[in-house]
Protein backbone atom coordinates (compact mmCIF):
# COMPACT_ATOMS: atom_id res chain seq x y z
CA MET A 1 10.16 -0.96 12.24
CA ALA A 2 10.11 -1.17 8.30
CA GLU A 3 10.25 -4.99 8.54
CA PHE A 4 7.35 -5.37 10.89
CA ILE A 5 5.13 -3.14 8.92
CA THR A 6 6.06 -4.58 5.47
CA TYR A 7 5.60 -8.21 6.68
CA SER A 8 2.15 -7.42 8.33
CA ILE A 9 0.84 -6.32 5.07
CA SER A 10 0.24 -9.58 2.89
CA LYS A 11 -0.56 -10.01 -0.52
CA GLY A 12 -4.18 -9.58 0.15
CA TYR A 13 -4.83 -7.93 -3.39
CA LYS A 14 -4.11 -11.35 -5.01
CA LYS A 15 -6.86 -13.10 -2.71
CA ILE A 16 -9.40 -10.61 -3.73
CA SER A 17 -8.40 -10.58 -7.44
CA ASP A 18 -8.43 -14.30 -7.46
CA LYS A 19 -12.05 -14.22 -5.89
CA VAL A 20 -13.27 -11.69 -8.75
CA LYS A 21 -11.59 -13.92 -11.50
CA ASP A 22 -13.50 -17.25 -10.26
CA GLY A 23 -16.65 -15.63 -9.26
CA THR A 24 -16.46 -16.46 -5.58
CA ILE A 25 -16.90 -12.57 -4.65
CA ALA A 26 -20.29 -12.73 -6.24
CA ASN A 27 -21.32 -15.24 -3.51
CA MET A 28 -19.78 -13.16 -0.84
CA LEU A 29 -21.58 -10.01 -2.21
CA ILE A 30 -24.99 -11.32 -1.65
CA LYS A 31 -24.33 -12.07 1.98
CA PRO A 32 -25.21 -9.49 4.77
CA VAL A 33 -21.66 -8.75 5.25
CA ASN A 34 -19.59 -5.84 3.78
CA PHE A 35 -16.84 -7.61 1.95
CA SER A 36 -14.32 -4.82 2.43
CA ILE A 37 -14.73 -4.94 6.21
CA TYR A 38 -14.54 -8.84 5.97
CA PHE A 39 -11.14 -8.58 4.07
CA LEU A 40 -9.85 -5.99 6.40
CA ALA A 41 -10.52 -8.15 9.54
CA GLU A 42 -9.46 -11.26 7.70
CA GLU A 43 -6.02 -9.56 6.84
CA SER A 44 -5.77 -8.14 10.34
CA ALA A 45 -5.14 -11.43 11.87
CA ASN A 46 -1.84 -11.47 10.02
CA ILE A 47 -0.64 -8.54 12.28
CA LEU A 48 -0.69 -10.82 15.27
CA LYS A 49 1.36 -13.64 13.62
CA VAL A 50 4.05 -10.86 12.58
CA LEU A 51 3.91 -9.31 16.30
CA VAL A 52 4.37 -12.73 17.93
CA ASN A 53 7.38 -13.46 15.47
CA THR A 54 8.91 -9.93 16.32
CA ILE A 55 8.88 -10.21 20.04
CA PRO A 56 12.06 -12.50 20.00
CA LEU A 57 13.66 -9.91 17.49
CA VAL A 58 12.89 -6.87 20.10
CA ILE A 59 14.36 -9.00 22.79
CA LEU A 60 17.55 -9.73 20.91
CA GLY A 61 17.71 -6.06 20.00
CA ILE A 62 17.46 -4.85 23.80
CA LEU A 63 20.05 -7.54 24.89
CA TYR A 64 22.50 -6.27 22.02
CA GLY A 65 21.82 -2.66 21.85
CA GLY A 66 20.23 -1.97 25.16
CA ILE A 67 16.93 -0.45 25.99
CA LEU A 68 15.91 2.71 23.88
CA ASN A 69 15.27 5.77 25.95
CA ILE A 70 12.03 6.93 24.80
CA SER A 71 9.20 8.76 26.73
CA PHE A 72 5.80 7.07 27.35
CA MET A 73 4.23 9.78 24.73
CA HIS A 74 6.86 8.76 22.15
CA LEU A 75 5.94 5.12 22.69
CA ILE A 76 2.32 5.74 22.16
CA ILE A 77 2.93 7.67 18.82
CA ILE A 78 5.02 5.04 17.51
CA ILE A 79 2.52 2.64 18.32
CA VAL A 80 -0.45 4.54 16.92
CA SER A 81 1.61 5.62 13.71
CA SER A 82 2.47 1.70 13.26
CA LEU A 83 -1.25 0.73 13.49
CA PHE A 84 -2.07 3.61 10.93
CA SER A 85 0.77 2.33 8.68
CA ILE A 86 -0.59 -1.05 8.62
CA ILE A 87 -4.09 0.13 7.74
CA ILE A 88 -3.10 2.32 5.07
CA GLY A 89 -1.15 -1.00 3.65
CA LEU A 90 -4.22 -3.08 3.95
CA LEU A 91 -6.59 -0.15 2.56
CA ILE A 92 -3.97 -0.14 -0.51
CA GLN A 93 -4.29 -3.84 -0.59
CA LEU A 94 -8.13 -3.66 -0.73
CA ALA A 95 -8.22 -0.80 -3.50
CA LEU A 96 -5.96 -2.94 -5.62
CA GLY A 97 -7.89 -6.04 -5.21
CA LEU A 98 -11.07 -4.15 -6.10
CA VAL A 99 -9.51 -2.81 -9.21
CA ALA A 100 -9.72 -6.44 -10.47
CA PHE A 101 -13.58 -5.72 -11.12
CA GLU A 102 -12.02 -3.60 -14.09
CA MET A 103 -8.99 -5.44 -15.11
CA GLU A 104 -8.22 -8.87 -14.50
CA GLU A 105 -4.38 -8.76 -13.81
CA THR A 106 -3.44 -6.51 -10.92
CA LYS A 107 0.05 -7.84 -10.24
CA SER A 108 1.71 -5.30 -12.46
CA LEU A 109 -0.11 -2.45 -10.33
CA TRP A 110 1.11 -4.24 -7.07
CA PHE A 111 5.06 -3.99 -8.21
CA ILE A 112 4.45 -0.23 -8.88
CA ILE A 113 2.94 0.32 -5.42
CA GLN A 114 5.34 -1.75 -3.87
CA LYS A 115 8.46 0.08 -5.47
CA PHE A 116 6.94 3.62 -4.20
CA GLN A 117 6.65 1.95 -0.72
CA PHE A 118 10.36 0.55 -1.07
CA LEU A 119 11.81 3.90 -2.06
CA LEU A 120 11.30 4.90 1.66
CA VAL A 121 12.58 1.61 3.19
CA PHE A 122 16.13 2.15 3.17
CA VAL A 123 16.78 5.74 2.04
CA PRO A 124 15.12 8.27 4.37
CA LEU A 125 12.89 11.05 2.55
CA GLU A 126 15.49 13.80 3.52
CA PHE A 127 18.03 12.26 1.22
CA TYR A 128 15.90 13.12 -1.84
CA SER A 129 15.80 16.75 -3.74
CA THR A 130 13.14 18.89 -2.47
CA PHE A 131 11.16 18.34 -5.50
CA ILE A 132 11.12 14.69 -4.99
CA GLN A 133 10.25 15.04 -1.45
CA LYS A 134 7.35 16.97 -2.08
CA VAL A 135 6.10 14.48 -4.79
CA LEU A 136 6.61 11.64 -2.33
CA LEU A 137 4.66 13.44 0.37
CA ILE A 138 1.52 13.20 -2.00
CA PHE A 139 1.41 9.47 -1.92
CA PRO A 140 -0.13 7.31 0.96
CA THR A 141 2.81 4.71 0.47
CA THR A 142 5.12 7.36 1.73
CA TYR A 143 3.22 7.02 5.27
CA ILE A 144 3.43 3.31 5.46
CA VAL A 145 7.08 2.95 6.36
CA TYR A 146 8.54 6.39 6.50
CA ALA A 147 6.12 7.88 9.30
CA PRO A 148 6.66 5.35 12.07
CA ALA A 149 10.42 4.99 11.29
CA ARG A 150 10.96 8.73 11.31
CA ILE A 151 8.96 9.01 14.64
CA LEU A 152 10.95 6.19 16.17
CA VAL A 153 14.45 7.48 15.16
CA LYS A 154 13.62 11.37 15.49
CA TYR A 155 11.01 11.93 17.63
CA GLN A 156 10.01 15.93 17.53
CA GLY A 157 6.42 16.50 18.79
CA VAL A 158 5.01 18.91 16.04
CA GLU A 159 6.63 16.84 13.17
CA SER A 160 5.41 13.51 14.74
CA ILE A 161 1.85 14.82 15.06
CA SER A 162 1.90 16.15 11.48
CA LEU A 163 3.20 12.71 10.32
CA VAL A 164 0.26 11.03 11.96
CA LEU A 165 -2.05 13.63 10.76
CA MET A 166 -0.96 12.71 7.39
CA GLN A 167 -1.65 9.16 8.05
CA ILE A 168 -5.14 9.81 8.94
CA ALA A 169 -5.55 11.82 5.81
CA SER A 170 -4.38 9.06 3.72
CA ILE A 171 -6.59 6.60 5.52
CA LEU A 172 -9.73 8.86 4.84
CA THR A 173 -8.60 9.20 1.20
CA LEU A 174 -8.16 5.39 0.60
CA THR A 175 -11.36 4.79 2.61
CA ILE A 176 -13.22 6.78 0.37
CA ILE A 177 -11.56 5.27 -2.93
CA ASN A 178 -12.33 1.87 -1.53
CA ILE A 179 -16.03 2.69 -0.99
CA LEU A 180 -16.42 4.10 -4.63
CA LEU A 181 -14.50 0.98 -6.24
CA TYR A 182 -16.71 -1.34 -3.87
CA LYS A 183 -19.87 0.31 -5.19
CA LYS A 184 -18.68 0.19 -8.74
CA GLY A 185 -17.80 -3.52 -8.50
CA VAL A 186 -21.04 -4.41 -6.82
CA GLU A 187 -22.95 -2.67 -9.68
CA LYS A 188 -20.92 -4.38 -12.19
CA ILE A 189 -21.81 -7.88 -10.74
CA ASN A 190 -25.30 -7.12 -10.38
CA ALA A 191 -25.57 -5.76 -14.17
CA ASN A 192 -23.97 -9.00 -15.26
CA GLY A 193 -26.06 -11.14 -12.94
CA GLY A 194 -23.15 -12.39 -10.87
């Protein structure tokens, strides 16, 4: 689950950052297309590529381990949570790329975000102290890998729904942040004449 999600989120922030640095983004912003939506649509194509590559792995997993005994509702929540995870990851990439309007090099910020994300790839949230758990539950990066993996491994109706709701809250928060960063970036380009 973690591998599928992390590989579905490419380094899109670098593409945006490079477009800001070389001025390509100024040409894109004058077109009647919202650059943020364009970016999200372009990066979503990566999900299909990863999904096609994941199918043989799922088949091998079924051959070696057998079919998981999960209900239809459990499967639906896993799929929804996985899609929300990928959306959160893409929105973080977009925000990081749009920060390039303010600071040229965003690679160091990506490394920090990536480390927060990897905190929960190999170690479940429950292994941390209560204080650290509460801190990690604030960050949207927690809901990229932890939420769908937790729902897959230990499905509990109320907990699973609350994790999905936290993913929705993360998506809304990141969307607002991206809108603000986008507006500020456009204003900066317009003020500087492209």
